[in-house]
């Protein structure tokens, strides 16, 4: 039996990934002498996290599908 998803944990995890990725992108832009605004880095990080979460969801669905077959 699967246990129900614990949403506060999911939200905290995604928020942590988004914050970490935003800071990495912002610091990377500073070190390469191509400074980009913090909001642009946050938007890019949000896009990357969204794509990653969708990919993870698809991977889990595919694995569940293959186990049923």
PDB file of N, CA and C in Angstrom:
ATOM      1  N   UNK A   1       0.839  -1.171   0.000  1.00  0.00           N
ATOM      2  CA  UNK A   1       0.000   0.000   0.000  1.00  0.00           C
ATOM      3  C   UNK A   1       0.892   1.246   0.000  1.00  0.00           C
ATOM      4  N   UNK A   2       0.541   2.196  -0.774  1.00  0.00           N
ATOM      5  CA  UNK A   2       1.328   3.422  -0.818  1.00  0.00           C
ATOM      6  C   UNK A   2       0.783   4.413   0.191  1.00  0.00           C
ATOM      7  N   UNK A   3       1.674   5.181   0.734  1.00  0.00           N
ATOM      8  CA  UNK A   3       1.245   6.165   1.709  1.00  0.00           C
ATOM      9  C   UNK A   3       0.929   7.467   0.982  1.00  0.00           C
ATOM     10  N   UNK A   4      -0.019   8.246   1.487  1.00  0.00           N
ATOM     11  CA  UNK A   4      -0.373   9.498   0.817  1.00  0.00           C
ATOM     12  C   UNK A   4       0.796  10.474   0.829  1.00  0.00           C
ATOM     13  N   UNK A   5       0.839  11.309  -0.177  1.00  0.00           N
ATOM     14  CA  UNK A   5       1.925  12.288  -0.291  1.00  0.00           C
ATOM     15  C   UNK A   5       1.827  13.310   0.827  1.00  0.00           C
ATOM     16  N   UNK A   6       2.943  13.690   1.312  1.00  0.00           N
ATOM     17  CA  UNK A   6       3.018  14.667   2.380  1.00  0.00           C
ATOM     18  C   UNK A   6       3.373  16.011   1.745  1.00  0.00           C
ATOM     19  N   UNK A   7       2.356  16.805   1.444  1.00  0.00           N
ATOM     20  CA  UNK A   7       2.531  18.035   0.667  1.00  0.00           C
ATOM     21  C   UNK A   7       3.472  19.054   1.292  1.00  0.00           C
ATOM     22  N   UNK A   8       3.435  19.301   2.602  1.00  0.00           N
ATOM     23  CA  UNK A   8       4.393  20.276   3.154  1.00  0.00           C
ATOM     24  C   UNK A   8       5.839  19.886   2.880  1.00  0.00           C
ATOM     25  N   UNK A   9       6.129  18.600   2.909  1.00  0.00           N
ATOM     26  CA  UNK A   9       7.481  18.137   2.600  1.00  0.00           C
ATOM     27  C   UNK A   9       7.822  18.407   1.139  1.00  0.00           C
ATOM     28  N   UNK A  10       6.882  18.156   0.247  1.00  0.00           N
ATOM     29  CA  UNK A  10       7.102  18.398  -1.186  1.00  0.00           C
ATOM     30  C   UNK A  10       7.355  19.878  -1.459  1.00  0.00           C
ATOM     31  N   UNK A  11       6.542  20.735  -0.855  1.00  0.00           N
ATOM     32  CA  UNK A  11       6.683  22.176  -1.065  1.00  0.00           C
ATOM     33  C   UNK A  11       8.028  22.660  -0.537  1.00  0.00           C
ATOM     34  N   UNK A  12       8.417  22.169   0.620  1.00  0.00           N
ATOM     35  CA  UNK A  12       9.708  22.559   1.197  1.00  0.00           C
ATOM     36  C   UNK A  12      10.855  22.097   0.309  1.00  0.00           C
ATOM     37  N   UNK A  13      10.762  20.895  -0.223  1.00  0.00           N
ATOM     38  CA  UNK A  13      11.808  20.356  -1.075  1.00  0.00           C
ATOM     39  C   UNK A  13      11.957  21.163  -2.366  1.00  0.00           C
ATOM     40  N   UNK A  14      10.843  21.457  -3.022  1.00  0.00           N
ATOM     41  CA  UNK A  14      10.889  22.237  -4.267  1.00  0.00           C
ATOM     42  C   UNK A  14      11.395  23.647  -3.994  1.00  0.00           C
ATOM     43  N   UNK A  15      10.968  24.237  -2.891  1.00  0.00           N
ATOM     44  CA  UNK A  15      11.434  25.583  -2.537  1.00  0.00           C
ATOM     45  C   UNK A  15      12.936  25.604  -2.297  1.00  0.00           C
ATOM     46  N   UNK A  16      13.438  24.573  -1.638  1.00  0.00           N
ATOM     47  CA  UNK A  16      14.871  24.503  -1.389  1.00  0.00           C
ATOM     48  C   UNK A  16      15.650  24.357  -2.693  1.00  0.00           C
ATOM     49  N   UNK A  17      15.168  23.505  -3.602  1.00  0.00           N
ATOM     50  CA  UNK A  17      15.817  23.366  -4.905  1.00  0.00           C
ATOM     51  C   UNK A  17      15.799  24.677  -5.681  1.00  0.00           C
ATOM     52  N   UNK A  18      14.646  25.350  -5.656  1.00  0.00           N
ATOM     53  CA  UNK A  18      14.514  26.606  -6.396  1.00  0.00           C
ATOM     54  C   UNK A  18      15.460  27.664  -5.843  1.00  0.00           C
ATOM     55  N   UNK A  19      15.520  27.791  -4.524  1.00  0.00           N
ATOM     56  CA  UNK A  19      16.406  28.782  -3.904  1.00  0.00           C
ATOM     57  C   UNK A  19      17.866  28.475  -4.198  1.00  0.00           C
ATOM     58  N   UNK A  20      18.242  27.221  -4.062  1.00  0.00           N
ATOM     59  CA  UNK A  20      19.631  26.830  -4.318  1.00  0.00           C
ATOM     60  C   UNK A  20      20.016  27.073  -5.774  1.00  0.00           C
ATOM     61  N   UNK A  21      19.159  26.684  -6.685  1.00  0.00           N
ATOM     62  CA  UNK A  21      19.449  26.876  -8.104  1.00  0.00           C
ATOM     63  C   UNK A  21      19.492  28.356  -8.473  1.00  0.00           C
ATOM     64  N   UNK A  22      18.624  29.162  -7.881  1.00  0.00           N
ATOM     65  CA  UNK A  22      18.647  30.606  -8.121  1.00  0.00           C
ATOM     66  C   UNK A  22      19.975  31.193  -7.692  1.00  0.00           C
ATOM     67  N   UNK A  23      20.430  30.849  -6.496  1.00  0.00           N
ATOM     68  CA  UNK A  23      21.710  31.371  -6.011  1.00  0.00           C
ATOM     69  C   UNK A  23      22.880  30.890  -6.868  1.00  0.00           C
ATOM     70  N   UNK A  24      22.850  29.636  -7.295  1.00  0.00           N
ATOM     71  CA  UNK A  24      23.927  29.124  -8.155  1.00  0.00           C
ATOM     72  C   UNK A  24      23.965  29.875  -9.477  1.00  0.00           C
ATOM     73  N   UNK A  25      22.804  30.068 -10.100  1.00  0.00           N
ATOM     74  CA  UNK A  25      22.774  30.796 -11.371  1.00  0.00           C
ATOM     75  C   UNK A  25      23.229  32.236 -11.199  1.00  0.00           C
ATOM     76  N   UNK A  26      22.794  32.874 -10.124  1.00  0.00           N
ATOM     77  CA  UNK A  26      23.167  34.272  -9.881  1.00  0.00           C
ATOM     78  C   UNK A  26      24.667  34.403  -9.635  1.00  0.00           C
ATOM     79  N   UNK A  27      25.228  33.507  -8.801  1.00  0.00           N
ATOM     80  CA  UNK A  27      26.664  33.548  -8.533  1.00  0.00           C
ATOM     81  C   UNK A  27      27.471  33.195  -9.778  1.00  0.00           C
ATOM     82  N   UNK A  28      26.982  32.261 -10.560  1.00  0.00           N
ATOM     83  CA  UNK A  28      27.662  31.902 -11.805  1.00  0.00           C
ATOM     84  C   UNK A  28      27.691  33.074 -12.774  1.00  0.00           C
ATOM     85  N   UNK A  29      26.584  33.826 -12.830  1.00  0.00           N
ATOM     86  CA  UNK A  29      26.569  34.993 -13.721  1.00  0.00           C
ATOM     87  C   UNK A  29      27.537  36.062 -13.233  1.00  0.00           C
ATOM     88  N   UNK A  30      27.713  36.174 -11.927  1.00  0.00           N
ATOM     89  CA  UNK A  30      28.663  37.155 -11.373  1.00  0.00           C
ATOM     90  C   UNK A  30      30.109  36.743 -11.655  1.00  0.00           C
ATOM     91  N   UNK A  31      30.405  35.455 -11.553  1.00  0.00           N
ATOM     92  CA  UNK A  31      31.785  35.009 -11.740  1.00  0.00           C
ATOM     93  C   UNK A  31      32.200  35.026 -13.204  1.00  0.00           C
ATOM     94  N   UNK A  32      31.261  34.970 -14.123  1.00  0.00           N
ATOM     95  CA  UNK A  32      31.602  34.978 -15.546  1.00  0.00           C
ATOM     96  C   UNK A  32      31.577  36.380 -16.140  1.00  0.00           C
ATOM     97  N   UNK A  33      31.480  37.380 -15.291  1.00  0.00           N
ATOM     98  CA  UNK A  33      31.473  38.789 -15.724  1.00  0.00           C
ATOM     99  C   UNK A  33      30.323  39.105 -16.669  1.00  0.00           C
ATOM    100  N   UNK A  34      29.237  38.385 -16.534  1.00  0.00           N
ATOM    101  CA  UNK A  34      28.026  38.659 -17.297  1.00  0.00           C
ATOM    102  C   UNK A  34      26.872  38.775 -16.305  1.00  0.00           C
ATOM    103  N   UNK A  35      26.894  39.840 -15.487  1.00  0.00           N
ATOM    104  CA  UNK A  35      25.894  39.935 -14.420  1.00  0.00           C
ATOM    105  C   UNK A  35      24.463  39.970 -14.959  1.00  0.00           C
ATOM    106  N   UNK A  36      23.645  39.177 -14.353  1.00  0.00           N
ATOM    107  CA  UNK A  36      22.226  39.097 -14.690  1.00  0.00           C
ATOM    108  C   UNK A  36      21.443  39.410 -13.432  1.00  0.00           C
ATOM    109  N   UNK A  37      20.287  40.002 -13.596  1.00  0.00           N
ATOM    110  CA  UNK A  37      19.463  40.340 -12.456  1.00  0.00           C
ATOM    111  C   UNK A  37      19.009  39.112 -11.678  1.00  0.00           C
ATOM    112  N   UNK A  38      18.810  39.307 -10.388  1.00  0.00           N
ATOM    113  CA  UNK A  38      18.408  38.207  -9.524  1.00  0.00           C
ATOM    114  C   UNK A  38      17.046  37.652  -9.938  1.00  0.00           C
ATOM    115  N   UNK A  39      16.132  38.520 -10.361  1.00  0.00           N
ATOM    116  CA  UNK A  39      14.810  38.052 -10.782  1.00  0.00           C
ATOM    117  C   UNK A  39      14.880  37.181 -12.034  1.00  0.00           C
ATOM    118  N   UNK A  40      15.766  37.516 -12.940  1.00  0.00           N
ATOM    119  CA  UNK A  40      15.935  36.679 -14.137  1.00  0.00           C
ATOM    120  C   UNK A  40      16.484  35.305 -13.769  1.00  0.00           C
ATOM    121  N   UNK A  41      17.418  35.280 -12.832  1.00  0.00           N
ATOM    122  CA  UNK A  41      17.952  33.991 -12.373  1.00  0.00           C
ATOM    123  C   UNK A  41      16.867  33.191 -11.670  1.00  0.00           C
ATOM    124  N   UNK A  42      16.011  33.867 -10.898  1.00  0.00           N
ATOM    125  CA  UNK A  42      14.922  33.183 -10.205  1.00  0.00           C
ATOM    126  C   UNK A  42      13.927  32.600 -11.200  1.00  0.00           C
ATOM    127  N   UNK A  43      13.642  33.336 -12.263  1.00  0.00           N
ATOM    128  CA  UNK A  43      12.717  32.835 -13.282  1.00  0.00           C
ATOM    129  C   UNK A  43      13.316  31.633 -14.013  1.00  0.00           C
ATOM    130  N   UNK A  44      14.591  31.697 -14.333  1.00  0.00           N
ATOM    131  CA  UNK A  44      15.250  30.574 -14.986  1.00  0.00           C
ATOM    132  C   UNK A  44      15.280  29.349 -14.077  1.00  0.00           C
ATOM    133  N   UNK A  45      15.549  29.579 -12.811  1.00  0.00           N
ATOM    134  CA  UNK A  45      15.565  28.472 -11.857  1.00  0.00           C
ATOM    135  C   UNK A  45      14.173  27.863 -11.723  1.00  0.00           C
ATOM    136  N   UNK A  46      13.139  28.693 -11.724  1.00  0.00           N
ATOM    137  CA  UNK A  46      11.769  28.173 -11.633  1.00  0.00           C
ATOM    138  C   UNK A  46      11.458  27.297 -12.841  1.00  0.00           C
ATOM    139  N   UNK A  47      11.883  27.723 -14.011  1.00  0.00           N
ATOM    140  CA  UNK A  47      11.667  26.922 -15.215  1.00  0.00           C
ATOM    141  C   UNK A  47      12.407  25.589 -15.120  1.00  0.00           C
ATOM    142  N   UNK A  48      13.664  25.620 -14.703  1.00  0.00           N
ATOM    143  CA  UNK A  48      14.448  24.394 -14.584  1.00  0.00           C
ATOM    144  C   UNK A  48      13.870  23.439 -13.542  1.00  0.00           C
ATOM    145  N   UNK A  49      13.427  23.976 -12.418  1.00  0.00           N
ATOM    146  CA  UNK A  49      12.835  23.130 -11.381  1.00  0.00           C
ATOM    147  C   UNK A  49      11.524  22.527 -11.883  1.00  0.00           C
ATOM    148  N   UNK A  50      10.723  23.312 -12.591  1.00  0.00           N
ATOM    149  CA  UNK A  50       9.456  22.806 -13.134  1.00  0.00           C
ATOM    150  C   UNK A  50       9.705  21.666 -14.113  1.00  0.00           C
ATOM    151  N   UNK A  51      10.634  21.855 -15.023  1.00  0.00           N
ATOM    152  CA  UNK A  51      10.960  20.805 -15.996  1.00  0.00           C
ATOM    153  C   UNK A  51      11.485  19.567 -15.273  1.00  0.00           C
ATOM    154  N   UNK A  52      12.324  19.758 -14.266  1.00  0.00           N
ATOM    155  CA  UNK A  52      12.844  18.630 -13.507  1.00  0.00           C
ATOM    156  C   UNK A  52      11.761  17.870 -12.756  1.00  0.00           C
ATOM    157  N   UNK A  53      10.832  18.596 -12.152  1.00  0.00           N
ATOM    158  CA  UNK A  53       9.743  17.944 -11.421  1.00  0.00           C
ATOM    159  C   UNK A  53       8.809  17.191 -12.374  1.00  0.00           C
ATOM    160  N   UNK A  54       8.541  17.760 -13.541  1.00  0.00           N
ATOM    161  CA  UNK A  54       7.717  17.064 -14.532  1.00  0.00           C
ATOM    162  C   UNK A  54       8.424  15.799 -15.011  1.00  0.00           C
ATOM    163  N   UNK A  55       9.723  15.900 -15.245  1.00  0.00           N
ATOM    164  CA  UNK A  55      10.494  14.729 -15.643  1.00  0.00           C
ATOM    165  C   UNK A  55      10.485  13.651 -14.571  1.00  0.00           C
ATOM    166  N   UNK A  56      10.595  14.053 -13.316  1.00  0.00           N
ATOM    167  CA  UNK A  56      10.552  13.090 -12.215  1.00  0.00           C
ATOM    168  C   UNK A  56       9.183  12.432 -12.131  1.00  0.00           C
ATOM    169  N   UNK A  57       8.113  13.205 -12.312  1.00  0.00           N
ATOM    170  CA  UNK A  57       6.757  12.664 -12.292  1.00  0.00           C
ATOM    171  C   UNK A  57       6.575  11.650 -13.427  1.00  0.00           C
ATOM    172  N   UNK A  58       7.051  11.998 -14.623  1.00  0.00           N
ATOM    173  CA  UNK A  58       6.943  11.074 -15.755  1.00  0.00           C
ATOM    174  C   UNK A  58       7.731   9.793 -15.502  1.00  0.00           C
ATOM    175  N   UNK A  59       8.908   9.914 -14.919  1.00  0.00           N
ATOM    176  CA  UNK A  59       9.727   8.749 -14.606  1.00  0.00           C
ATOM    177  C   UNK A  59       9.005   7.837 -13.626  1.00  0.00           C
ATOM    178  N   UNK A  60       8.391   8.397 -12.587  1.00  0.00           N
ATOM    179  CA  UNK A  60       7.652   7.593 -11.618  1.00  0.00           C
ATOM    180  C   UNK A  60       6.434   6.928 -12.252  1.00  0.00           C
ATOM    181  N   UNK A  61       5.723   7.659 -13.116  1.00  0.00           N
ATOM    182  CA  UNK A  61       4.565   7.076 -13.798  1.00  0.00           C
ATOM    183  C   UNK A  61       5.005   5.933 -14.705  1.00  0.00           C
ATOM    184  N   UNK A  62       6.102   6.119 -15.428  1.00  0.00           N
ATOM    185  CA  UNK A  62       6.591   5.085 -16.339  1.00  0.00           C
ATOM    186  C   UNK A  62       6.999   3.840 -15.564  1.00  0.00           C
ATOM    187  N   UNK A  63       7.671   4.045 -14.430  1.00  0.00           N
ATOM    188  CA  UNK A  63       8.080   2.906 -13.602  1.00  0.00           C
ATOM    189  C   UNK A  63       6.866   2.159 -13.077  1.00  0.00           C
ATOM    190  N   UNK A  64       5.843   2.884 -12.632  1.00  0.00           N
ATOM    191  CA  UNK A  64       4.630   2.234 -12.147  1.00  0.00           C
ATOM    192  C   UNK A  64       3.928   1.491 -13.272  1.00  0.00           C
ATOM    193  N   UNK A  65       3.912   2.046 -14.458  1.00  0.00           N
ATOM    194  CA  UNK A  65       3.307   1.406 -15.614  1.00  0.00           C
ATOM    195  C   UNK A  65       4.043   0.106 -15.960  1.00  0.00           C
ATOM    196  N   UNK A  66       5.355   0.153 -15.923  1.00  0.00           N
ATOM    197  CA  UNK A  66       6.155  -1.028 -16.280  1.00  0.00           C
ATOM    198  C   UNK A  66       6.001  -2.130 -15.246  1.00  0.00           C
ATOM    199  N   UNK A  67       5.813  -1.772 -13.982  1.00  0.00           N
ATOM    200  CA  UNK A  67       5.640  -2.787 -12.947  1.00  0.00           C
ATOM    201  C   UNK A  67       4.291  -3.490 -13.083  1.00  0.00           C
ATOM    202  N   UNK A  68       3.289  -2.761 -13.561  1.00  0.00           N
ATOM    203  CA  UNK A  68       1.968  -3.362 -13.747  1.00  0.00           C
ATOM    204  C   UNK A  68       1.935  -4.311 -14.924  1.00  0.00           C
ATOM    205  N   UNK A  69       2.755  -4.057 -15.919  1.00  0.00           N
ATOM    206  CA  UNK A  69       2.732  -4.880 -17.141  1.00  0.00           C
ATOM    207  C   UNK A  69       3.398  -6.217 -16.973  1.00  0.00           C
TER     208      UNK A  69
END
